[in-house]
Amino acid sequence: MPSVTANRTKPKILYAKQLSQLSWLAHGFSSRPGGFSRVYGKSDLNLGFTKDDSKTAVQRNRAAFLRALGEAREASARARHTPDTRSWKLISVCQVHSDVIQHIDSERLLSPQGLSLAGDGLITATPGLLLAVQTADCFPIILADLRRRAVGVFHAGWRGTVVRIVEKGVGEMHRCFGSRPHDLRAAIGPGIQGCCYEVGEEVRTKFESQFAYAAKLFRELKESDPVREKYPLLFLTARAPGHSHLPKRLFLDLVEANRQQLRAAGVAAKNIEVSRLCTSCRPDLLFSYRAEKGRTGRMMSVVGIRP
């Protein structure tokens, strides 16, 4: 991923290099600075309607984010000497950590039921729609079909990953648009990296039941205790082998898990771009549900086809 946009007074948006080369596509991964929210810190760009933040602040943040995206598009359009427009319709879902993927088209938009959607993936080939997922540790993943000009965005936490949300996303794009894996470009945005994403043994068990390569997704870390090492007799137990042991800590690499799914679905390794920014390591730049103990804002990742 390239660096953040330079102006500190505006929302700072991250872009994927490969996707930025597509003149017909708009995309971006929001970050934390440059907003109107005060409940999580100073001038945060919280784009989720959380219980702590005010609706007014979030609406102002969303407007600022879309403005910043529009300004980037206008600059790109000027460079191409082509006109541009801001006629976007923002489409999001009620995320439920699932493998449910919603196909949004003109017929769906005109449905009397409207767009009250639940799921963790959105796909479209309709211009003018800005598909969005929200994250604060989970990974946002964008797919773009170069040939058929279709796009998708997916929300992948461990639950979505273990049920193969992005692998199924590739399949849904093939079913709905005829997308072929070798025509797809993928961008995995910021999320909690393997350095910080500690999970329980039950999560490893679920992954092992689904993926032959599960073992290489996990890293074990043995805790050290200077007192225990210096005075081992203090920790003798009646059970063999006679000494109690500190539990091992277990960390999951969700980036690699989703990269493996994209590869299994036929997307070329060279066409998968990955952000190495860790939400837990970078609270100055990103929101992290874990690092902030559940009280934090939400980032938004978007993709759309220029009208």
Protein backbone atom coordinates (compact mmCIF):
# COMPACT_ATOMS: atom_id res chain seq x y z
CA MET A 1 0.00 0.00 0.00
CA PRO A 2 1.22 3.52 -0.71
CA SER A 3 1.53 6.18 1.93
CA VAL A 4 -1.27 8.23 3.46
CA THR A 5 -2.39 11.45 1.78
CA ALA A 6 -0.36 14.38 2.96
CA ASN A 7 -2.83 17.06 4.14
CA ARG A 8 -3.25 16.69 7.91
CA THR A 9 -6.43 18.77 8.09
CA LYS A 10 -8.39 16.40 5.89
CA PRO A 11 -9.26 12.70 6.17
CA LYS A 12 -6.23 10.55 5.43
CA ILE A 13 -7.07 7.86 2.92
CA LEU A 14 -5.02 4.81 2.00
CA TYR A 15 -4.97 3.51 -1.57
CA ALA A 16 -3.81 0.28 -3.18
CA LYS A 17 -1.27 0.82 -5.95
CA GLN A 18 -2.71 -1.68 -8.42
CA LEU A 19 -6.29 -0.49 -7.97
CA SER A 20 -5.21 3.15 -8.31
CA GLN A 21 -4.05 2.37 -11.85
CA LEU A 22 -7.62 1.55 -12.96
CA SER A 23 -9.15 4.73 -14.39
CA TRP A 24 -12.71 3.42 -14.13
CA LEU A 25 -12.48 2.48 -10.45
CA ALA A 26 -12.68 4.49 -7.22
CA HIS A 27 -11.56 3.00 -3.92
CA GLY A 28 -10.06 3.87 -0.56
CA PHE A 29 -9.36 2.68 2.97
CA SER A 30 -10.15 5.32 5.58
CA SER A 31 -7.93 5.94 8.60
CA ARG A 32 -8.39 7.64 11.96
CA PRO A 33 -7.26 11.29 11.64
CA GLY A 34 -9.12 14.17 10.07
CA GLY A 35 -12.67 13.89 11.41
CA PHE A 36 -15.17 15.50 13.78
CA SER A 37 -15.53 12.81 16.47
CA ARG A 38 -14.21 13.57 19.97
CA VAL A 39 -15.35 10.57 22.01
CA TYR A 40 -12.40 8.32 21.07
CA GLY A 41 -9.76 10.98 20.80
CA LYS A 42 -9.16 14.30 19.09
CA SER A 43 -10.50 14.88 15.57
CA ASP A 44 -11.21 11.22 14.77
CA LEU A 45 -12.80 10.10 11.51
CA ASN A 46 -15.22 7.58 12.98
CA LEU A 47 -17.40 6.34 10.09
CA GLY A 48 -19.55 3.90 12.08
CA PHE A 49 -22.76 4.67 13.98
CA THR A 50 -21.39 3.41 17.30
CA LYS A 51 -23.16 3.71 20.65
CA ASP A 52 -20.62 6.24 21.96
CA ASP A 53 -20.50 8.71 19.08
CA SER A 54 -23.20 11.12 17.95
CA LYS A 55 -25.07 10.57 14.71
CA THR A 56 -24.29 14.14 13.67
CA ALA A 57 -20.53 13.64 14.07
CA VAL A 58 -20.59 10.40 12.06
CA GLN A 59 -22.63 12.01 9.27
CA ARG A 60 -20.12 14.89 9.11
CA ASN A 61 -17.27 12.36 9.04
CA ARG A 62 -18.87 10.42 6.20
CA ALA A 63 -19.43 13.59 4.21
CA ALA A 64 -15.79 14.59 4.73
CA PHE A 65 -14.59 11.12 3.71
CA LEU A 66 -16.66 11.14 0.52
CA ARG A 67 -15.46 14.67 -0.25
CA ALA A 68 -11.85 13.56 0.13
CA LEU A 69 -12.50 10.61 -2.18
CA GLY A 70 -14.11 12.96 -4.68
CA GLU A 71 -11.16 15.33 -4.60
CA ALA A 72 -8.79 12.44 -5.29
CA ARG A 73 -10.98 11.37 -8.19
CA GLU A 74 -11.07 14.89 -9.59
CA ALA A 75 -7.28 15.11 -9.47
CA SER A 76 -7.06 11.77 -11.25
CA ALA A 77 -9.60 12.91 -13.84
CA ARG A 78 -7.68 16.12 -14.52
CA ALA A 79 -4.55 14.05 -15.08
CA ARG A 80 -6.49 11.95 -17.62
CA HIS A 81 -8.19 15.02 -19.15
CA THR A 82 -11.58 13.41 -18.64
CA PRO A 83 -14.66 14.74 -16.80
CA ASP A 84 -15.63 13.34 -13.42
CA THR A 85 -18.73 13.30 -11.23
CA ARG A 86 -19.59 12.75 -7.55
CA SER A 87 -22.92 11.02 -8.04
CA TRP A 88 -22.24 8.16 -5.64
CA LYS A 89 -24.76 6.11 -3.71
CA LEU A 90 -23.13 4.64 -0.59
CA ILE A 91 -24.16 1.01 0.04
CA SER A 92 -23.24 -0.87 3.22
CA VAL A 93 -24.43 -3.95 5.07
CA CYS A 94 -25.26 -4.92 8.62
CA GLN A 95 -22.17 -7.04 9.24
CA VAL A 96 -22.73 -10.37 11.00
CA HIS A 97 -19.36 -12.19 10.60
CA SER A 98 -20.77 -14.51 7.94
CA ASP A 99 -20.19 -15.71 4.38
CA VAL A 100 -23.28 -13.88 3.07
CA ILE A 101 -22.57 -11.81 -0.04
CA GLN A 102 -25.11 -9.34 -1.45
CA HIS A 103 -25.30 -8.65 -5.19
CA ILE A 104 -26.36 -5.04 -5.74
CA ASP A 105 -27.75 -4.05 -9.14
CA SER A 106 -30.28 -1.57 -10.52
CA GLU A 107 -33.19 -3.91 -9.87
CA ARG A 108 -32.14 -4.35 -6.24
CA LEU A 109 -31.85 -0.58 -5.80
CA LEU A 110 -35.42 -0.07 -7.03
CA SER A 111 -36.86 -2.85 -4.87
CA PRO A 112 -39.80 -1.76 -2.65
CA GLN A 113 -38.02 -3.42 0.27
CA GLY A 114 -35.12 -1.03 -0.17
CA LEU A 115 -31.59 -1.91 0.88
CA SER A 116 -31.84 -3.23 4.41
CA LEU A 117 -29.03 -5.75 4.02
CA ALA A 118 -27.25 -8.17 6.29
CA GLY A 119 -24.01 -9.93 5.36
CA ASP A 120 -20.29 -9.39 5.01
CA GLY A 121 -19.76 -8.95 1.30
CA LEU A 122 -21.05 -6.70 -1.48
CA ILE A 123 -20.55 -7.07 -5.24
CA THR A 124 -21.75 -4.99 -8.18
CA ALA A 125 -21.23 -4.19 -11.84
CA THR A 126 -23.46 -1.09 -11.61
CA PRO A 127 -21.66 2.27 -11.95
CA GLY A 128 -22.24 4.99 -9.37
CA LEU A 129 -22.49 2.69 -6.35
CA LEU A 130 -19.90 2.94 -3.61
CA LEU A 131 -19.79 -0.39 -1.77
CA ALA A 132 -18.56 -0.20 1.82
CA VAL A 133 -17.58 -2.36 4.78
CA GLN A 134 -16.55 -1.16 8.23
CA THR A 135 -13.64 -2.48 10.29
CA ALA A 136 -11.71 -1.88 13.50
CA ASP A 137 -9.38 -4.94 13.45
CA CYS A 138 -11.01 -7.24 10.89
CA PHE A 139 -9.66 -7.06 7.35
CA PRO A 140 -11.34 -5.27 4.45
CA ILE A 141 -10.71 -6.91 1.08
CA ILE A 142 -11.45 -5.31 -2.28
CA LEU A 143 -11.75 -7.22 -5.56
CA ALA A 144 -11.85 -5.65 -9.01
CA ASP A 145 -12.41 -7.40 -12.35
CA LEU A 146 -10.32 -5.60 -14.98
CA ARG A 147 -12.15 -7.09 -17.96
CA ARG A 148 -15.81 -6.95 -16.88
CA ARG A 149 -15.55 -3.88 -14.66
CA ALA A 150 -17.15 -5.50 -11.66
CA VAL A 151 -16.13 -4.98 -8.03
CA GLY A 152 -16.59 -6.43 -4.57
CA VAL A 153 -15.72 -5.59 -0.99
CA PHE A 154 -15.61 -8.04 1.91
CA HIS A 155 -15.34 -7.96 5.70
CA ALA A 156 -13.07 -10.74 6.99
CA GLY A 157 -12.62 -11.36 10.69
CA TRP A 158 -11.68 -14.83 11.85
CA ARG A 159 -15.30 -16.02 11.64
CA GLY A 160 -15.74 -14.75 8.09
CA THR A 161 -12.35 -16.12 7.12
CA VAL A 162 -13.02 -19.61 8.45
CA VAL A 163 -16.22 -19.79 6.37
CA ARG A 164 -14.24 -18.59 3.30
CA ILE A 165 -15.91 -15.21 2.71
CA VAL A 166 -13.36 -13.95 0.17
CA GLU A 167 -12.98 -17.30 -1.60
CA LYS A 168 -16.75 -17.37 -2.00
CA GLY A 169 -16.59 -13.75 -3.13
CA VAL A 170 -14.46 -14.78 -6.11
CA GLY A 171 -17.02 -17.47 -6.87
CA GLU A 172 -19.96 -15.07 -6.61
CA MET A 173 -18.30 -12.62 -8.97
CA HIS A 174 -17.84 -15.45 -11.47
CA ARG A 175 -21.48 -16.53 -11.05
CA CYS A 176 -22.96 -13.03 -11.33
CA PHE A 177 -20.59 -11.33 -13.79
CA GLY A 178 -18.56 -14.10 -15.43
CA SER A 179 -15.41 -12.86 -13.69
CA ARG A 180 -12.35 -15.04 -14.19
CA PRO A 181 -9.75 -15.25 -11.41
CA HIS A 182 -6.84 -14.19 -13.63
CA ASP A 183 -8.69 -10.93 -14.40
CA LEU A 184 -9.09 -10.05 -10.71
CA ARG A 185 -7.00 -7.64 -8.67
CA ALA A 186 -7.22 -7.91 -4.89
CA ALA A 187 -6.27 -5.51 -2.11
CA ILE A 188 -6.24 -6.52 1.55
CA GLY A 189 -6.45 -3.38 3.67
CA PRO A 190 -5.26 -2.62 7.21
CA GLY A 191 -6.24 -4.94 10.04
CA ILE A 192 -4.85 -6.61 13.13
CA GLN A 193 -1.72 -8.44 12.02
CA GLY A 194 -0.29 -11.72 13.26
CA CYS A 195 2.03 -9.84 15.63
CA CYS A 196 -0.94 -8.83 17.78
CA TYR A 197 -3.91 -11.06 16.96
CA GLU A 198 -4.02 -13.47 19.90
CA VAL A 199 -6.72 -16.14 19.77
CA GLY A 200 -7.80 -19.19 21.72
CA GLU A 201 -7.24 -22.85 20.97
CA GLU A 202 -10.85 -23.19 19.81
CA VAL A 203 -10.10 -20.84 16.89
CA ARG A 204 -7.16 -23.01 15.79
CA THR A 205 -9.41 -26.07 15.98
CA LYS A 206 -11.95 -24.45 13.66
CA PHE A 207 -9.28 -23.51 11.12
CA GLU A 208 -7.73 -26.98 11.26
CA SER A 209 -11.12 -28.47 10.44
CA GLN A 210 -11.32 -26.38 7.25
CA PHE A 211 -7.83 -25.83 5.86
CA ALA A 212 -4.97 -28.24 5.21
CA TYR A 213 -2.51 -25.35 5.61
CA ALA A 214 -3.96 -24.19 8.95
CA ALA A 215 -0.79 -25.00 10.92
CA LYS A 216 1.23 -22.28 9.19
CA LEU A 217 -1.40 -19.64 9.99
CA PHE A 218 -0.67 -19.83 13.72
CA ARG A 219 2.31 -18.82 15.82
CA GLU A 220 2.89 -20.02 19.37
CA LEU A 221 4.66 -17.92 21.96
CA LYS A 222 5.82 -19.43 25.22
CA GLU A 223 5.54 -17.09 28.17
CA SER A 224 8.59 -16.52 30.34
CA ASP A 225 8.56 -16.01 34.11
CA PRO A 226 11.86 -15.02 35.78
CA VAL A 227 10.62 -16.11 39.22
CA ARG A 228 9.58 -19.52 37.92
CA GLU A 229 12.90 -19.96 36.15
CA LYS A 230 14.92 -18.97 39.23
CA TYR A 231 12.90 -20.97 41.78
CA PRO A 232 11.44 -23.99 39.92
CA LEU A 233 10.82 -25.94 43.14
CA LEU A 234 8.16 -23.44 44.14
CA PHE A 235 6.07 -24.60 41.21
CA LEU A 236 6.16 -28.36 41.78
CA THR A 237 2.83 -30.13 41.39
CA ALA A 238 1.55 -33.60 42.11
CA ARG A 239 0.90 -34.20 38.43
CA ALA A 240 3.54 -35.53 36.03
CA PRO A 241 5.99 -34.33 34.97
CA GLY A 242 6.03 -32.57 38.33
CA HIS A 243 6.12 -28.93 37.27
CA SER A 244 3.25 -26.72 36.19
CA HIS A 245 3.68 -25.01 32.83
CA LEU A 246 2.72 -21.56 31.67
CA PRO A 247 0.15 -21.65 28.90
CA LYS A 248 1.32 -20.86 25.41
CA ARG A 249 -0.02 -17.79 23.65
CA LEU A 250 -1.45 -18.34 20.17
CA PHE A 251 -1.45 -15.79 17.35
CA LEU A 252 -3.34 -15.98 14.04
CA ASP A 253 -2.20 -14.48 10.72
CA LEU A 254 -5.46 -13.48 9.05
CA VAL A 255 -3.65 -11.79 6.16
CA GLU A 256 -2.05 -15.06 5.13
CA ALA A 257 -5.31 -16.94 5.68
CA ASN A 258 -7.15 -14.69 3.23
CA ARG A 259 -4.23 -14.57 0.80
CA GLN A 260 -4.30 -18.37 0.71
CA GLN A 261 -8.02 -18.30 -0.06
CA LEU A 262 -7.52 -15.89 -2.93
CA ARG A 263 -4.74 -18.09 -4.30
CA ALA A 264 -6.94 -21.20 -3.93
CA ALA A 265 -9.67 -19.40 -5.89
CA GLY A 266 -7.21 -18.77 -8.75
CA VAL A 267 -6.10 -15.17 -8.14
CA ALA A 268 -2.42 -14.78 -9.07
CA ALA A 269 -0.05 -13.97 -6.22
CA LYS A 270 1.27 -10.91 -8.09
CA ASN A 271 -2.29 -9.54 -8.26
CA ILE A 272 -2.83 -9.60 -4.49
CA GLU A 273 -1.71 -6.43 -2.69
CA VAL A 274 -1.47 -6.43 1.09
CA SER A 275 -1.26 -3.62 3.63
CA ARG A 276 1.14 -4.41 6.47
CA LEU A 277 -0.34 -1.73 8.74
CA CYS A 278 -1.49 -3.27 12.03
CA THR A 279 -4.52 -1.66 13.66
CA SER A 280 -3.33 -2.69 17.13
CA CYS A 281 0.19 -1.29 16.60
CA ARG A 282 -0.95 2.02 15.08
CA PRO A 283 -3.65 3.63 17.27
CA ASP A 284 -2.42 7.01 16.01
CA LEU A 285 -3.54 6.11 12.49
CA LEU A 286 -6.14 3.34 12.82
CA PHE A 287 -8.99 2.21 15.07
CA SER A 288 -8.51 -1.08 16.96
CA TYR A 289 -11.33 -2.79 18.84
CA ARG A 290 -8.88 -4.96 20.76
CA ALA A 291 -6.26 -2.36 21.58
CA GLU A 292 -8.95 0.04 22.81
CA LYS A 293 -10.89 -2.64 24.69
CA GLY A 294 -14.05 -2.37 22.62
CA ARG A 295 -14.55 1.38 22.83
CA THR A 296 -13.43 2.69 19.48
CA GLY A 297 -14.59 4.00 16.13
CA ARG A 298 -14.86 2.31 12.76
CA MET A 299 -12.95 2.71 9.52
CA MET A 300 -14.61 2.32 6.15
CA SER A 301 -13.26 0.65 3.02
CA VAL A 302 -15.01 1.46 -0.24
CA VAL A 303 -14.94 0.56 -3.91
CA GLY A 304 -17.06 1.68 -6.83
CA ILE A 305 -17.28 1.91 -10.62
CA ARG A 306 -17.10 5.47 -11.88
CA PRO A 307 -20.41 6.60 -13.43
